[in-house]
Amino acid sequence: EFARLVGGRYPGDAADVFRAMAANEAKHGQQLAGRRRELFGDAPRRVSGDLLDDAEAPDRGKPRVFMSPRQAMEVAIQSEEKAQAFYAEAARHAGDPAARALFEELRAEEGEHRKLLRSRIRKYPPGPDVEEADADAPGSDPG
């Protein structure tokens, strides 16, 4: 959804960053679903997809048409920090020891994801591709 909102303009742009984020999160979701089945079998879920925005999804107000790949990476880092805080809080409230351990593991994984993104963000120059005030000016899009 974010890749569509920012629009693709050149290889490696913000849309590519968001597509890579989505692919990584899809893999993580599949791993998590498998882990849940191992631990809890077919036990009913008490969490719905509606909570995604609260747990791990980036802020939907962050994408901008002319945002740079670095700005997209900053959004990704913020979502990893948000997820880490969510899982830490979930672990505090989990009554089941297996659930608590899973949430602690997920909290630690999100911290590792954040570290990885922080190491990757260094390759991108700071700032937007184009300032939003200039976005409508003819020739303002470098892509």
C-alpha atoms as a PDB file:
ATOM      1  CA  GLU A   1       0.000   0.000   0.000  1.00  0.00           C
ATOM      2  CA  PHE A   2       2.813   2.434   0.886  1.00  0.00           C
ATOM      3  CA  ALA A   3       4.708   1.620  -2.319  1.00  0.00           C
ATOM      4  CA  ARG A   4       1.586   2.473  -4.304  1.00  0.00           C
ATOM      5  CA  LEU A   5       1.097   5.709  -2.364  1.00  0.00           C
ATOM      6  CA  VAL A   6       4.623   7.012  -2.915  1.00  0.00           C
ATOM      7  CA  GLY A   7       4.783   5.789  -6.504  1.00  0.00           C
ATOM      8  CA  GLY A   8       7.822   4.251  -8.137  1.00  0.00           C
ATOM      9  CA  ARG A   9      10.093   6.662  -9.954  1.00  0.00           C
ATOM     10  CA  TYR A  10      13.484   4.966 -10.141  1.00  0.00           C
ATOM     11  CA  PRO A  11      15.219   1.751  -9.000  1.00  0.00           C
ATOM     12  CA  GLY A  12      15.939   1.863  -5.271  1.00  0.00           C
ATOM     13  CA  ASP A  13      13.422   4.633  -4.523  1.00  0.00           C
ATOM     14  CA  ALA A  14      11.094   4.835  -1.512  1.00  0.00           C
ATOM     15  CA  ALA A  15       8.561   2.555  -3.227  1.00  0.00           C
ATOM     16  CA  ASP A  16      11.250  -0.140  -3.510  1.00  0.00           C
ATOM     17  CA  VAL A  17      12.049   0.269   0.185  1.00  0.00           C
ATOM     18  CA  PHE A  18       8.375  -0.174   1.083  1.00  0.00           C
ATOM     19  CA  ARG A  19       8.046  -3.206  -1.215  1.00  0.00           C
ATOM     20  CA  ALA A  20      11.064  -4.796   0.476  1.00  0.00           C
ATOM     21  CA  MET A  21       9.546  -4.023   3.901  1.00  0.00           C
ATOM     22  CA  ALA A  22       6.272  -5.672   2.871  1.00  0.00           C
ATOM     23  CA  ALA A  23       8.074  -8.785   1.590  1.00  0.00           C
ATOM     24  CA  ASN A  24      10.094  -9.095   4.793  1.00  0.00           C
ATOM     25  CA  GLU A  25       7.011  -8.625   6.960  1.00  0.00           C
ATOM     26  CA  ALA A  26       5.133 -11.271   4.933  1.00  0.00           C
ATOM     27  CA  LYS A  27       7.954 -13.759   5.588  1.00  0.00           C
ATOM     28  CA  HIS A  28       7.981 -12.806   9.251  1.00  0.00           C
ATOM     29  CA  GLY A  29       4.199 -13.286   9.401  1.00  0.00           C
ATOM     30  CA  GLN A  30       4.482 -16.780   7.919  1.00  0.00           C
ATOM     31  CA  GLN A  31       7.207 -17.698  10.414  1.00  0.00           C
ATOM     32  CA  LEU A  32       5.124 -16.336  13.264  1.00  0.00           C
ATOM     33  CA  ALA A  33       2.026 -18.260  12.127  1.00  0.00           C
ATOM     34  CA  GLY A  34       4.070 -21.468  12.051  1.00  0.00           C
ATOM     35  CA  ARG A  35       5.494 -20.767  15.479  1.00  0.00           C
ATOM     36  CA  ARG A  36       2.011 -20.100  16.850  1.00  0.00           C
ATOM     37  CA  ARG A  37       0.752 -23.427  15.447  1.00  0.00           C
ATOM     38  CA  GLU A  38       3.682 -25.241  17.084  1.00  0.00           C
ATOM     39  CA  LEU A  39       2.979 -23.672  20.453  1.00  0.00           C
ATOM     40  CA  PHE A  40      -0.806 -23.450  20.515  1.00  0.00           C
ATOM     41  CA  GLY A  41      -2.133 -25.722  17.764  1.00  0.00           C
ATOM     42  CA  ASP A  42      -5.575 -24.632  16.599  1.00  0.00           C
ATOM     43  CA  ALA A  43      -6.429 -22.661  19.746  1.00  0.00           C
ATOM     44  CA  PRO A  44      -8.620 -19.678  18.865  1.00  0.00           C
ATOM     45  CA  ARG A  45      -6.906 -16.337  18.374  1.00  0.00           C
ATOM     46  CA  ARG A  46      -7.744 -13.463  20.650  1.00  0.00           C
ATOM     47  CA  VAL A  47      -6.053 -10.900  18.435  1.00  0.00           C
ATOM     48  CA  SER A  48      -7.472  -9.770  15.120  1.00  0.00           C
ATOM     49  CA  GLY A  49      -5.897  -8.214  12.057  1.00  0.00           C
ATOM     50  CA  ASP A  50      -7.533  -4.941  13.069  1.00  0.00           C
ATOM     51  CA  LEU A  51      -4.790  -4.552  15.691  1.00  0.00           C
ATOM     52  CA  LEU A  52      -2.038  -4.488  13.078  1.00  0.00           C
ATOM     53  CA  ASP A  53      -1.872  -0.700  13.103  1.00  0.00           C
ATOM     54  CA  ASP A  54      -1.419  -0.752  16.873  1.00  0.00           C
ATOM     55  CA  ALA A  55       1.211  -3.473  16.851  1.00  0.00           C
ATOM     56  CA  GLU A  56       3.613  -3.268  13.986  1.00  0.00           C
ATOM     57  CA  ALA A  57       2.355  -1.352  10.974  1.00  0.00           C
ATOM     58  CA  PRO A  58       3.977   1.953  10.088  1.00  0.00           C
ATOM     59  CA  ASP A  59       2.008   5.147  10.619  1.00  0.00           C
ATOM     60  CA  ARG A  60      -0.293   5.469   7.595  1.00  0.00           C
ATOM     61  CA  GLY A  61       0.270   9.232   7.510  1.00  0.00           C
ATOM     62  CA  LYS A  62       4.001   8.901   6.827  1.00  0.00           C
ATOM     63  CA  PRO A  63       4.233   8.165   3.085  1.00  0.00           C
ATOM     64  CA  ARG A  64       4.852  11.163   0.820  1.00  0.00           C
ATOM     65  CA  VAL A  65       5.031  11.134  -2.947  1.00  0.00           C
ATOM     66  CA  PHE A  66       8.524  12.619  -3.097  1.00  0.00           C
ATOM     67  CA  MET A  67       9.997  10.966  -0.029  1.00  0.00           C
ATOM     68  CA  SER A  68      13.482   9.563  -0.389  1.00  0.00           C
ATOM     69  CA  PRO A  69      14.596   5.993   0.248  1.00  0.00           C
ATOM     70  CA  ARG A  70      16.212   7.223   3.471  1.00  0.00           C
ATOM     71  CA  GLN A  71      12.918   8.687   4.647  1.00  0.00           C
ATOM     72  CA  ALA A  72      11.201   5.385   3.822  1.00  0.00           C
ATOM     73  CA  MET A  73      13.877   3.577   5.872  1.00  0.00           C
ATOM     74  CA  GLU A  74      13.169   5.974   8.763  1.00  0.00           C
ATOM     75  CA  VAL A  75       9.499   4.937   8.584  1.00  0.00           C
ATOM     76  CA  ALA A  76      10.613   1.290   8.653  1.00  0.00           C
ATOM     77  CA  ILE A  77      12.797   1.890  11.711  1.00  0.00           C
ATOM     78  CA  GLN A  78       9.923   3.621  13.501  1.00  0.00           C
ATOM     79  CA  SER A  79       7.665   0.634  12.819  1.00  0.00           C
ATOM     80  CA  GLU A  80      10.280  -1.761  14.223  1.00  0.00           C
ATOM     81  CA  GLU A  81      10.526   0.388  17.369  1.00  0.00           C
ATOM     82  CA  LYS A  82       6.735   0.404  17.632  1.00  0.00           C
ATOM     83  CA  ALA A  83       6.631  -3.389  17.277  1.00  0.00           C
ATOM     84  CA  GLN A  84       9.371  -3.833  19.873  1.00  0.00           C
ATOM     85  CA  ALA A  85       7.390  -1.763  22.398  1.00  0.00           C
ATOM     86  CA  PHE A  86       4.188  -3.656  21.556  1.00  0.00           C
ATOM     87  CA  TYR A  87       5.773  -7.071  22.141  1.00  0.00           C
ATOM     88  CA  ALA A  88       7.439  -5.912  25.361  1.00  0.00           C
ATOM     89  CA  GLU A  89       4.055  -4.787  26.673  1.00  0.00           C
ATOM     90  CA  ALA A  90       2.367  -7.985  25.465  1.00  0.00           C
ATOM     91  CA  ALA A  91       4.986 -10.069  27.301  1.00  0.00           C
ATOM     92  CA  ARG A  92       4.293  -8.153  30.504  1.00  0.00           C
ATOM     93  CA  HIS A  93       0.613  -9.087  30.301  1.00  0.00           C
ATOM     94  CA  ALA A  94       0.897 -12.650  28.997  1.00  0.00           C
ATOM     95  CA  GLY A  95      -0.307 -15.180  31.550  1.00  0.00           C
ATOM     96  CA  ASP A  96       0.835 -18.199  29.592  1.00  0.00           C
ATOM     97  CA  PRO A  97       4.607 -18.836  29.939  1.00  0.00           C
ATOM     98  CA  ALA A  98       4.885 -20.027  26.318  1.00  0.00           C
ATOM     99  CA  ALA A  99       3.125 -16.887  25.066  1.00  0.00           C
ATOM    100  CA  ARG A 100       5.334 -14.701  27.267  1.00  0.00           C
ATOM    101  CA  ALA A 101       8.458 -16.387  25.894  1.00  0.00           C
ATOM    102  CA  LEU A 102       7.222 -15.930  22.322  1.00  0.00           C
ATOM    103  CA  PHE A 103       6.533 -12.233  22.889  1.00  0.00           C
ATOM    104  CA  GLU A 104       9.995 -11.773  24.419  1.00  0.00           C
ATOM    105  CA  GLU A 105      11.535 -13.513  21.419  1.00  0.00           C
ATOM    106  CA  LEU A 106       9.563 -11.281  19.055  1.00  0.00           C
ATOM    107  CA  ARG A 107      10.614  -8.180  21.006  1.00  0.00           C
ATOM    108  CA  ALA A 108      14.253  -9.193  20.613  1.00  0.00           C
ATOM    109  CA  GLU A 109      13.775  -9.917  16.888  1.00  0.00           C
ATOM    110  CA  GLU A 110      12.284  -6.470  16.330  1.00  0.00           C
ATOM    111  CA  GLY A 111      15.342  -4.987  18.036  1.00  0.00           C
ATOM    112  CA  GLU A 112      17.567  -6.913  15.629  1.00  0.00           C
ATOM    113  CA  HIS A 113      15.471  -5.723  12.684  1.00  0.00           C
ATOM    114  CA  ARG A 114      15.895  -2.142  13.893  1.00  0.00           C
ATOM    115  CA  LYS A 115      19.684  -2.566  14.148  1.00  0.00           C
ATOM    116  CA  LEU A 116      19.795  -4.008  10.633  1.00  0.00           C
ATOM    117  CA  LEU A 117      17.791  -1.115   9.207  1.00  0.00           C
ATOM    118  CA  ARG A 118      19.935   1.423  11.057  1.00  0.00           C
ATOM    119  CA  SER A 119      23.045  -0.098   9.473  1.00  0.00           C
ATOM    120  CA  ARG A 120      21.440   0.032   5.998  1.00  0.00           C
ATOM    121  CA  ILE A 121      20.128   3.591   6.286  1.00  0.00           C
ATOM    122  CA  ARG A 122      23.668   4.957   6.257  1.00  0.00           C
ATOM    123  CA  LYS A 123      23.988   4.324   2.519  1.00  0.00           C
ATOM    124  CA  TYR A 124      21.205   6.797   1.724  1.00  0.00           C
ATOM    125  CA  PRO A 125      21.703  10.570   1.565  1.00  0.00           C
ATOM    126  CA  PRO A 126      19.600  12.642   3.995  1.00  0.00           C
ATOM    127  CA  GLY A 127      16.505  14.593   3.028  1.00  0.00           C
ATOM    128  CA  PRO A 128      13.717  14.121   0.520  1.00  0.00           C
ATOM    129  CA  ASP A 129      14.243  13.547  -3.176  1.00  0.00           C
ATOM    130  CA  VAL A 130      12.278  16.771  -3.682  1.00  0.00           C
ATOM    131  CA  GLU A 131      10.934  19.200  -1.104  1.00  0.00           C
ATOM    132  CA  GLU A 132       7.147  18.952  -0.944  1.00  0.00           C
ATOM    133  CA  ALA A 133       6.791  22.693  -1.602  1.00  0.00           C
ATOM    134  CA  ASP A 134       8.595  22.153  -4.929  1.00  0.00           C
ATOM    135  CA  ALA A 135       6.800  18.920  -5.861  1.00  0.00           C
ATOM    136  CA  ASP A 136       4.508  20.536  -8.390  1.00  0.00           C
ATOM    137  CA  ALA A 137       7.198  22.589 -10.071  1.00  0.00           C
ATOM    138  CA  PRO A 138       7.944  21.377 -13.618  1.00  0.00           C
ATOM    139  CA  GLY A 139      11.106  19.315 -13.691  1.00  0.00           C
ATOM    140  CA  SER A 140      11.207  18.934  -9.906  1.00  0.00           C
ATOM    141  CA  ASP A 141      11.208  15.134  -9.985  1.00  0.00           C
ATOM    142  CA  PRO A 142      14.795  13.865 -10.379  1.00  0.00           C
ATOM    143  CA  GLY A 143      13.476  10.438 -11.480  1.00  0.00           C
END
